[in-house]
Structures are given as C-alpha cells and as structure tokens.
Amino acid sequence: MTSTDGTRKIAEGVAALAVSHAEQGTSEEEARAVILEILMQLGEANASMARLAASAVTSLPEPLDETPEEIERARPIREMLGVRSAENDLAATLRAREWLERLATELS
C-alpha cells in the first residue's frame, strides 16, 4: 500500500465516521472532538486531511433513490421499525460534509 492509498483510506474512514455521527444525531462539537482525536492519533490533524475527508463523503454509498410514492408508502413501516428514510440519510451525509469542511477551515 502506498502512502497515497493510506491517506485515501484514512480520509474515507474519517468521512464514514463523520456520517455515522451525523446519522446518530451526535452534535457537531462531539463529532468534531472524536474526529480530531483520531486524526491526532494518526498524525493527520491538518486542513488537507479534513478537506480530503470532506470530499471523500461523496464516495460513500448513497441512500436508495425512492419515488415520492415509495417514500409515503414506506413511512409508517419505517416509523414503526425506527428506520431512517433516504432523505434523513442524505441530510446526515450533507451535515457530515459541512462539519468536515468547517474543521478544515479551522485547521487552516
């Protein structure tokens, strides 16, 4: 594995971590603290890595595309089972990217 591969994998892992925190409803401050701690342990707490992680968010799997009819039909079942909708997943993904972009700005 080259250092470029390692850097990319770190960025993808940080991106996935940020999205997971956003999906779980973690506050930005809590998620930021966890992400920074991990980046510091890896010696990668810098603006470049945060920017790379923000762009890696787009390479993560996207929620399933559903028609409005499918969304409405599935809503009661999702609510009963406590499953997030695709729109909630997408909102979490966007929130995570914003967090990482803000972190990059702070680390600049």
C-alpha atoms as a PDB file:
ATOM      1  CA  MET A   1       0.000   0.000   0.000  1.00  0.00           C
ATOM      2  CA  THR A   2       1.419   3.388  -0.996  1.00  0.00           C
ATOM      3  CA  SER A   3       1.233   6.453   1.206  1.00  0.00           C
ATOM      4  CA  THR A   4      -1.391   7.853  -1.189  1.00  0.00           C
ATOM      5  CA  ASP A   5      -3.520   4.748  -0.638  1.00  0.00           C
ATOM      6  CA  GLY A   6      -3.082   5.087   3.115  1.00  0.00           C
ATOM      7  CA  THR A   7      -4.057   8.767   3.021  1.00  0.00           C
ATOM      8  CA  ARG A   8      -7.126   7.975   0.928  1.00  0.00           C
ATOM      9  CA  LYS A   9      -8.171   5.194   3.295  1.00  0.00           C
ATOM     10  CA  ILE A  10      -7.788   7.483   6.311  1.00  0.00           C
ATOM     11  CA  ALA A  11      -9.899  10.140   4.580  1.00  0.00           C
ATOM     12  CA  GLU A  12     -12.590   7.598   3.698  1.00  0.00           C
ATOM     13  CA  GLY A  13     -12.620   6.298   7.276  1.00  0.00           C
ATOM     14  CA  VAL A  14     -12.933   9.807   8.703  1.00  0.00           C
ATOM     15  CA  ALA A  15     -15.716  10.564   6.220  1.00  0.00           C
ATOM     16  CA  ALA A  16     -17.593   7.403   7.241  1.00  0.00           C
ATOM     17  CA  LEU A  17     -17.109   8.264  10.911  1.00  0.00           C
ATOM     18  CA  ALA A  18     -18.483  11.781  10.402  1.00  0.00           C
ATOM     19  CA  VAL A  19     -21.522  10.451   8.515  1.00  0.00           C
ATOM     20  CA  SER A  20     -22.165   7.849  11.231  1.00  0.00           C
ATOM     21  CA  HIS A  21     -22.102  10.540  13.900  1.00  0.00           C
ATOM     22  CA  ALA A  22     -24.455  12.724  11.860  1.00  0.00           C
ATOM     23  CA  GLU A  23     -26.845   9.796  11.338  1.00  0.00           C
ATOM     24  CA  GLN A  24     -26.865   9.065  15.072  1.00  0.00           C
ATOM     25  CA  GLY A  25     -27.720  12.659  15.906  1.00  0.00           C
ATOM     26  CA  THR A  26     -24.400  13.456  17.573  1.00  0.00           C
ATOM     27  CA  SER A  27     -23.734  17.167  17.936  1.00  0.00           C
ATOM     28  CA  GLU A  28     -21.132  18.758  15.701  1.00  0.00           C
ATOM     29  CA  GLU A  29     -18.941  19.523  18.727  1.00  0.00           C
ATOM     30  CA  GLU A  30     -18.974  15.907  19.923  1.00  0.00           C
ATOM     31  CA  ALA A  31     -18.284  14.539  16.443  1.00  0.00           C
ATOM     32  CA  ARG A  32     -15.520  17.108  15.915  1.00  0.00           C
ATOM     33  CA  ALA A  33     -13.825  16.063  19.170  1.00  0.00           C
ATOM     34  CA  VAL A  34     -13.876  12.372  18.203  1.00  0.00           C
ATOM     35  CA  ILE A  35     -12.658  13.068  14.660  1.00  0.00           C
ATOM     36  CA  LEU A  36      -9.874  15.369  15.864  1.00  0.00           C
ATOM     37  CA  GLU A  37      -8.736  12.840  18.450  1.00  0.00           C
ATOM     38  CA  ILE A  38      -8.448  10.123  15.808  1.00  0.00           C
ATOM     39  CA  LEU A  39      -6.677  12.426  13.360  1.00  0.00           C
ATOM     40  CA  MET A  40      -4.210  13.479  16.074  1.00  0.00           C
ATOM     41  CA  GLN A  41      -3.500   9.839  16.946  1.00  0.00           C
ATOM     42  CA  LEU A  42      -2.767   9.221  13.255  1.00  0.00           C
ATOM     43  CA  GLY A  43      -0.653  12.376  12.959  1.00  0.00           C
ATOM     44  CA  GLU A  44      -3.066  13.729  10.339  1.00  0.00           C
ATOM     45  CA  ALA A  45      -4.808  16.592  12.194  1.00  0.00           C
ATOM     46  CA  ASN A  46      -4.437  19.122   9.379  1.00  0.00           C
ATOM     47  CA  ALA A  47      -6.615  21.073   6.971  1.00  0.00           C
ATOM     48  CA  SER A  48      -5.618  18.932   3.987  1.00  0.00           C
ATOM     49  CA  MET A  49      -6.843  15.736   5.599  1.00  0.00           C
ATOM     50  CA  ALA A  50     -10.093  17.367   6.716  1.00  0.00           C
ATOM     51  CA  ARG A  51     -10.666  18.646   3.152  1.00  0.00           C
ATOM     52  CA  LEU A  52      -9.844  15.231   1.718  1.00  0.00           C
ATOM     53  CA  ALA A  53     -12.281  13.602   4.165  1.00  0.00           C
ATOM     54  CA  ALA A  54     -14.986  16.135   3.213  1.00  0.00           C
ATOM     55  CA  SER A  55     -14.585  15.225  -0.450  1.00  0.00           C
ATOM     56  CA  ALA A  56     -14.464  11.511   0.395  1.00  0.00           C
ATOM     57  CA  VAL A  57     -18.007  11.803   1.761  1.00  0.00           C
ATOM     58  CA  THR A  58     -19.192  11.814  -1.861  1.00  0.00           C
ATOM     59  CA  SER A  59     -17.581   8.413  -2.473  1.00  0.00           C
ATOM     60  CA  LEU A  60     -19.566   6.735   0.305  1.00  0.00           C
ATOM     61  CA  PRO A  61     -22.623   4.660  -0.666  1.00  0.00           C
ATOM     62  CA  GLU A  62     -25.662   6.804  -1.328  1.00  0.00           C
ATOM     63  CA  PRO A  63     -29.124   6.147   0.051  1.00  0.00           C
ATOM     64  CA  LEU A  64     -31.502   4.319  -2.242  1.00  0.00           C
ATOM     65  CA  ASP A  65     -33.365   6.526  -4.665  1.00  0.00           C
ATOM     66  CA  GLU A  66     -37.087   6.331  -3.972  1.00  0.00           C
ATOM     67  CA  THR A  67     -40.061   7.895  -5.657  1.00  0.00           C
ATOM     68  CA  PRO A  68     -42.331  10.120  -3.544  1.00  0.00           C
ATOM     69  CA  GLU A  69     -44.942   7.356  -3.639  1.00  0.00           C
ATOM     70  CA  GLU A  70     -42.476   4.783  -2.313  1.00  0.00           C
ATOM     71  CA  ILE A  71     -41.417   7.164   0.446  1.00  0.00           C
ATOM     72  CA  GLU A  72     -45.008   7.744   1.574  1.00  0.00           C
ATOM     73  CA  ARG A  73     -45.881   4.051   1.408  1.00  0.00           C
ATOM     74  CA  ALA A  74     -42.820   3.074   3.458  1.00  0.00           C
ATOM     75  CA  ARG A  75     -43.100   5.913   6.015  1.00  0.00           C
ATOM     76  CA  PRO A  76     -45.421   4.106   8.505  1.00  0.00           C
ATOM     77  CA  ILE A  77     -43.306   0.950   8.375  1.00  0.00           C
ATOM     78  CA  ARG A  78     -40.067   2.901   8.834  1.00  0.00           C
ATOM     79  CA  GLU A  79     -41.540   4.803  11.769  1.00  0.00           C
ATOM     80  CA  MET A  80     -42.755   1.589  13.373  1.00  0.00           C
ATOM     81  CA  LEU A  81     -39.320  -0.052  12.960  1.00  0.00           C
ATOM     82  CA  GLY A  82     -37.312   3.087  13.726  1.00  0.00           C
ATOM     83  CA  VAL A  83     -35.551   3.003  10.353  1.00  0.00           C
ATOM     84  CA  ARG A  84     -34.252   6.240   8.837  1.00  0.00           C
ATOM     85  CA  SER A  85     -35.501   7.314   5.436  1.00  0.00           C
ATOM     86  CA  ALA A  86     -33.276   8.012   2.443  1.00  0.00           C
ATOM     87  CA  GLU A  87     -33.898  11.736   2.903  1.00  0.00           C
ATOM     88  CA  ASN A  88     -32.679  11.517   6.525  1.00  0.00           C
ATOM     89  CA  ASP A  89     -29.576   9.627   5.372  1.00  0.00           C
ATOM     90  CA  LEU A  90     -28.880  12.228   2.701  1.00  0.00           C
ATOM     91  CA  ALA A  91     -29.321  15.073   5.200  1.00  0.00           C
ATOM     92  CA  ALA A  92     -26.855  13.345   7.557  1.00  0.00           C
ATOM     93  CA  THR A  93     -24.352  12.947   4.724  1.00  0.00           C
ATOM     94  CA  LEU A  94     -24.587  16.636   3.855  1.00  0.00           C
ATOM     95  CA  ARG A  95     -24.292  17.602   7.526  1.00  0.00           C
ATOM     96  CA  ALA A  96     -21.149  15.463   7.915  1.00  0.00           C
ATOM     97  CA  ARG A  97     -19.562  17.073   4.869  1.00  0.00           C
ATOM     98  CA  GLU A  98     -20.302  20.540   6.268  1.00  0.00           C
ATOM     99  CA  TRP A  99     -18.718  19.537   9.589  1.00  0.00           C
ATOM    100  CA  LEU A 100     -15.552  18.348   7.851  1.00  0.00           C
ATOM    101  CA  GLU A 101     -15.372  21.479   5.701  1.00  0.00           C
ATOM    102  CA  ARG A 102     -15.674  23.667   8.822  1.00  0.00           C
ATOM    103  CA  LEU A 103     -12.990  21.605  10.525  1.00  0.00           C
ATOM    104  CA  ALA A 104     -10.682  22.123   7.527  1.00  0.00           C
ATOM    105  CA  THR A 105     -11.261  25.875   7.733  1.00  0.00           C
ATOM    106  CA  GLU A 106     -10.500  25.854  11.470  1.00  0.00           C
ATOM    107  CA  LEU A 107      -7.310  23.866  10.936  1.00  0.00           C
ATOM    108  CA  SER A 108      -6.052  26.178   8.159  1.00  0.00           C
END
